[in-house]
């Protein structure tokens, strides 16, 4: 699984809607604030096979993911 960290639960919910709207299965996950540089506490997880599409969807939706974890 790959995870894009987001700054708030609201952004994580928006990201989930955008990704699901693009046909990408995803879930909101809680992150330990200590593992991200910006202290992000939420993220969306999805298959690493969908990484490039997912990142493009998040960019089009105007969602600035703080960090990316995975492949």
N, C-alpha and C. Protein backbone atom coordinates (compact mmCIF):
# COMPACT_ATOMS: atom_id res chain seq x y z
N UNK A 1 0.83 -1.19 0.00
CA UNK A 1 0.00 0.00 0.00
C UNK A 1 0.87 1.26 0.00
N UNK A 2 0.40 2.27 -0.66
CA UNK A 2 1.04 3.58 -0.67
C UNK A 2 0.15 4.55 0.09
N UNK A 3 0.75 5.57 0.68
CA UNK A 3 0.00 6.55 1.46
C UNK A 3 0.45 7.96 1.10
N UNK A 4 -0.51 8.83 0.86
CA UNK A 4 -0.24 10.26 0.72
C UNK A 4 -0.71 10.93 1.99
N UNK A 5 0.19 11.62 2.67
CA UNK A 5 -0.14 12.32 3.92
C UNK A 5 -0.81 13.64 3.60
N UNK A 6 -1.80 14.00 4.39
CA UNK A 6 -2.54 15.25 4.21
C UNK A 6 -2.61 15.99 5.52
N UNK A 7 -2.82 17.30 5.44
CA UNK A 7 -2.71 18.13 6.64
C UNK A 7 -3.93 18.10 7.56
N UNK A 8 -5.07 17.62 7.07
CA UNK A 8 -6.26 17.63 7.92
C UNK A 8 -7.21 16.50 7.53
N UNK A 9 -8.13 16.19 8.42
CA UNK A 9 -9.15 15.19 8.13
C UNK A 9 -10.01 15.66 6.96
N UNK A 10 -10.30 16.94 6.89
CA UNK A 10 -11.10 17.47 5.77
C UNK A 10 -10.40 17.21 4.44
N UNK A 11 -9.10 17.46 4.37
CA UNK A 11 -8.36 17.18 3.14
C UNK A 11 -8.34 15.68 2.83
N UNK A 12 -8.22 14.86 3.87
CA UNK A 12 -8.23 13.41 3.66
C UNK A 12 -9.58 12.97 3.10
N UNK A 13 -10.66 13.55 3.59
CA UNK A 13 -11.98 13.21 3.08
C UNK A 13 -12.15 13.67 1.63
N UNK A 14 -11.66 14.86 1.32
CA UNK A 14 -11.71 15.36 -0.06
C UNK A 14 -10.88 14.47 -0.98
N UNK A 15 -9.71 14.05 -0.50
CA UNK A 15 -8.85 13.17 -1.29
C UNK A 15 -9.53 11.83 -1.55
N UNK A 16 -10.16 11.29 -0.53
CA UNK A 16 -10.87 10.01 -0.70
C UNK A 16 -11.97 10.13 -1.74
N UNK A 17 -12.74 11.21 -1.68
CA UNK A 17 -13.81 11.42 -2.67
C UNK A 17 -13.23 11.54 -4.08
N UNK A 18 -12.14 12.31 -4.22
CA UNK A 18 -11.54 12.51 -5.53
C UNK A 18 -10.98 11.20 -6.09
N UNK A 19 -10.29 10.44 -5.24
CA UNK A 19 -9.71 9.18 -5.70
C UNK A 19 -10.78 8.16 -6.05
N UNK A 20 -11.78 8.05 -5.21
CA UNK A 20 -12.86 7.10 -5.51
C UNK A 20 -13.62 7.52 -6.76
N UNK A 21 -13.76 8.82 -6.95
CA UNK A 21 -14.41 9.33 -8.16
C UNK A 21 -13.64 8.97 -9.42
N UNK A 22 -12.33 8.79 -9.27
CA UNK A 22 -11.47 8.40 -10.38
C UNK A 22 -11.34 6.87 -10.48
N UNK A 23 -12.08 6.15 -9.64
CA UNK A 23 -12.06 4.70 -9.69
C UNK A 23 -10.92 4.05 -8.92
N UNK A 24 -10.30 4.79 -8.03
CA UNK A 24 -9.18 4.27 -7.24
C UNK A 24 -9.69 3.92 -5.84
N UNK A 25 -9.57 2.65 -5.48
CA UNK A 25 -9.97 2.21 -4.14
C UNK A 25 -8.99 2.79 -3.13
N UNK A 26 -9.51 3.39 -2.07
CA UNK A 26 -8.65 4.01 -1.07
C UNK A 26 -9.35 4.07 0.28
N UNK A 27 -8.57 4.32 1.30
CA UNK A 27 -9.10 4.47 2.66
C UNK A 27 -8.35 5.58 3.38
N UNK A 28 -9.02 6.24 4.29
CA UNK A 28 -8.37 7.23 5.15
C UNK A 28 -7.64 6.47 6.26
N UNK A 29 -6.41 6.88 6.53
CA UNK A 29 -5.62 6.25 7.59
C UNK A 29 -5.10 7.32 8.54
N UNK A 30 -4.97 6.94 9.80
CA UNK A 30 -4.34 7.81 10.79
C UNK A 30 -2.84 7.61 10.72
N UNK A 31 -2.09 8.68 10.79
CA UNK A 31 -0.64 8.62 10.76
C UNK A 31 -0.07 9.12 12.07
N UNK A 32 1.02 8.56 12.48
CA UNK A 32 1.75 9.04 13.65
C UNK A 32 2.40 10.36 13.25
N UNK A 33 2.10 11.43 13.94
CA UNK A 33 2.64 12.76 13.59
C UNK A 33 4.16 12.77 13.55
N UNK A 34 4.79 11.85 14.26
CA UNK A 34 6.24 11.82 14.31
C UNK A 34 6.91 11.30 13.05
N UNK A 35 6.16 10.65 12.17
CA UNK A 35 6.79 10.10 10.96
C UNK A 35 6.76 11.06 9.78
N UNK A 36 6.05 12.18 9.92
CA UNK A 36 5.99 13.14 8.83
C UNK A 36 6.71 14.42 9.23
N UNK A 37 7.33 15.05 8.27
CA UNK A 37 8.06 16.30 8.55
C UNK A 37 7.12 17.43 8.94
N UNK A 38 5.92 17.46 8.35
CA UNK A 38 5.00 18.56 8.60
C UNK A 38 3.97 18.25 9.68
N UNK A 39 4.09 17.10 10.33
CA UNK A 39 3.16 16.76 11.40
C UNK A 39 1.79 16.33 10.92
N UNK A 40 1.70 15.85 9.67
CA UNK A 40 0.41 15.41 9.14
C UNK A 40 -0.08 14.21 9.94
N UNK A 41 -1.36 14.20 10.29
CA UNK A 41 -1.90 13.13 11.09
C UNK A 41 -2.84 12.22 10.31
N UNK A 42 -3.15 12.57 9.07
CA UNK A 42 -4.07 11.78 8.27
C UNK A 42 -3.49 11.55 6.89
N UNK A 43 -3.99 10.52 6.26
CA UNK A 43 -3.54 10.22 4.91
C UNK A 43 -4.58 9.37 4.20
N UNK A 44 -4.33 9.12 2.93
CA UNK A 44 -5.15 8.17 2.18
C UNK A 44 -4.23 7.07 1.67
N UNK A 45 -4.68 5.84 1.83
CA UNK A 45 -3.89 4.71 1.34
C UNK A 45 -4.56 4.15 0.10
N UNK A 46 -3.74 3.66 -0.81
CA UNK A 46 -4.23 3.08 -2.07
C UNK A 46 -3.14 2.16 -2.60
N UNK A 47 -3.49 1.39 -3.60
CA UNK A 47 -2.54 0.46 -4.20
C UNK A 47 -1.40 1.23 -4.84
N UNK A 48 -0.18 0.77 -4.63
CA UNK A 48 0.97 1.43 -5.24
C UNK A 48 0.92 1.36 -6.76
N UNK A 49 0.17 0.42 -7.30
CA UNK A 49 0.00 0.33 -8.75
C UNK A 49 -0.76 1.52 -9.31
N UNK A 50 -1.50 2.22 -8.45
CA UNK A 50 -2.28 3.39 -8.87
C UNK A 50 -1.58 4.70 -8.53
N UNK A 51 -0.32 4.62 -8.11
CA UNK A 51 0.39 5.80 -7.60
C UNK A 51 0.37 6.99 -8.56
N UNK A 52 0.78 6.81 -9.79
CA UNK A 52 0.89 7.96 -10.70
C UNK A 52 -0.48 8.57 -10.96
N UNK A 53 -1.50 7.73 -11.13
CA UNK A 53 -2.85 8.25 -11.35
C UNK A 53 -3.35 8.95 -10.10
N UNK A 54 -3.12 8.34 -8.94
CA UNK A 54 -3.58 8.93 -7.68
C UNK A 54 -2.95 10.30 -7.44
N UNK A 55 -1.65 10.42 -7.67
CA UNK A 55 -0.98 11.70 -7.45
C UNK A 55 -1.50 12.75 -8.43
N UNK A 56 -1.81 12.35 -9.66
CA UNK A 56 -2.37 13.29 -10.63
C UNK A 56 -3.76 13.74 -10.21
N UNK A 57 -4.57 12.81 -9.69
CA UNK A 57 -5.92 13.14 -9.22
C UNK A 57 -5.84 14.12 -8.06
N UNK A 58 -4.94 13.87 -7.12
CA UNK A 58 -4.79 14.76 -5.97
C UNK A 58 -4.33 16.16 -6.42
N UNK A 59 -3.44 16.21 -7.37
CA UNK A 59 -2.97 17.51 -7.88
C UNK A 59 -4.11 18.27 -8.56
N UNK A 60 -4.89 17.57 -9.38
CA UNK A 60 -6.03 18.24 -10.05
C UNK A 60 -7.06 18.74 -9.06
N UNK A 61 -7.20 18.02 -7.93
CA UNK A 61 -8.16 18.41 -6.90
C UNK A 61 -7.62 19.52 -6.00
N UNK A 62 -6.37 19.92 -6.23
CA UNK A 62 -5.77 20.98 -5.43
C UNK A 62 -5.39 20.54 -4.03
N UNK A 63 -5.16 19.25 -3.86
CA UNK A 63 -4.81 18.72 -2.54
C UNK A 63 -3.31 18.53 -2.46
N UNK A 64 -2.70 19.32 -1.62
CA UNK A 64 -1.26 19.28 -1.42
C UNK A 64 -0.95 18.19 -0.41
N UNK A 65 -0.47 17.06 -0.91
CA UNK A 65 -0.10 16.00 0.02
C UNK A 65 1.28 16.36 0.58
N UNK A 66 1.40 16.23 1.89
CA UNK A 66 2.64 16.62 2.54
C UNK A 66 3.79 15.70 2.23
N UNK A 67 3.55 14.42 2.30
CA UNK A 67 4.58 13.43 2.04
C UNK A 67 3.93 12.20 1.44
N UNK A 68 4.76 11.39 0.81
CA UNK A 68 4.30 10.18 0.19
C UNK A 68 5.09 9.02 0.77
N UNK A 69 4.41 7.94 1.12
CA UNK A 69 5.06 6.75 1.66
C UNK A 69 4.71 5.55 0.79
N UNK A 70 5.66 4.72 0.51
CA UNK A 70 5.44 3.52 -0.30
C UNK A 70 6.51 3.41 -1.37
N UNK A 71 6.19 2.69 -2.41
CA UNK A 71 7.15 2.47 -3.50
C UNK A 71 7.65 3.74 -4.11
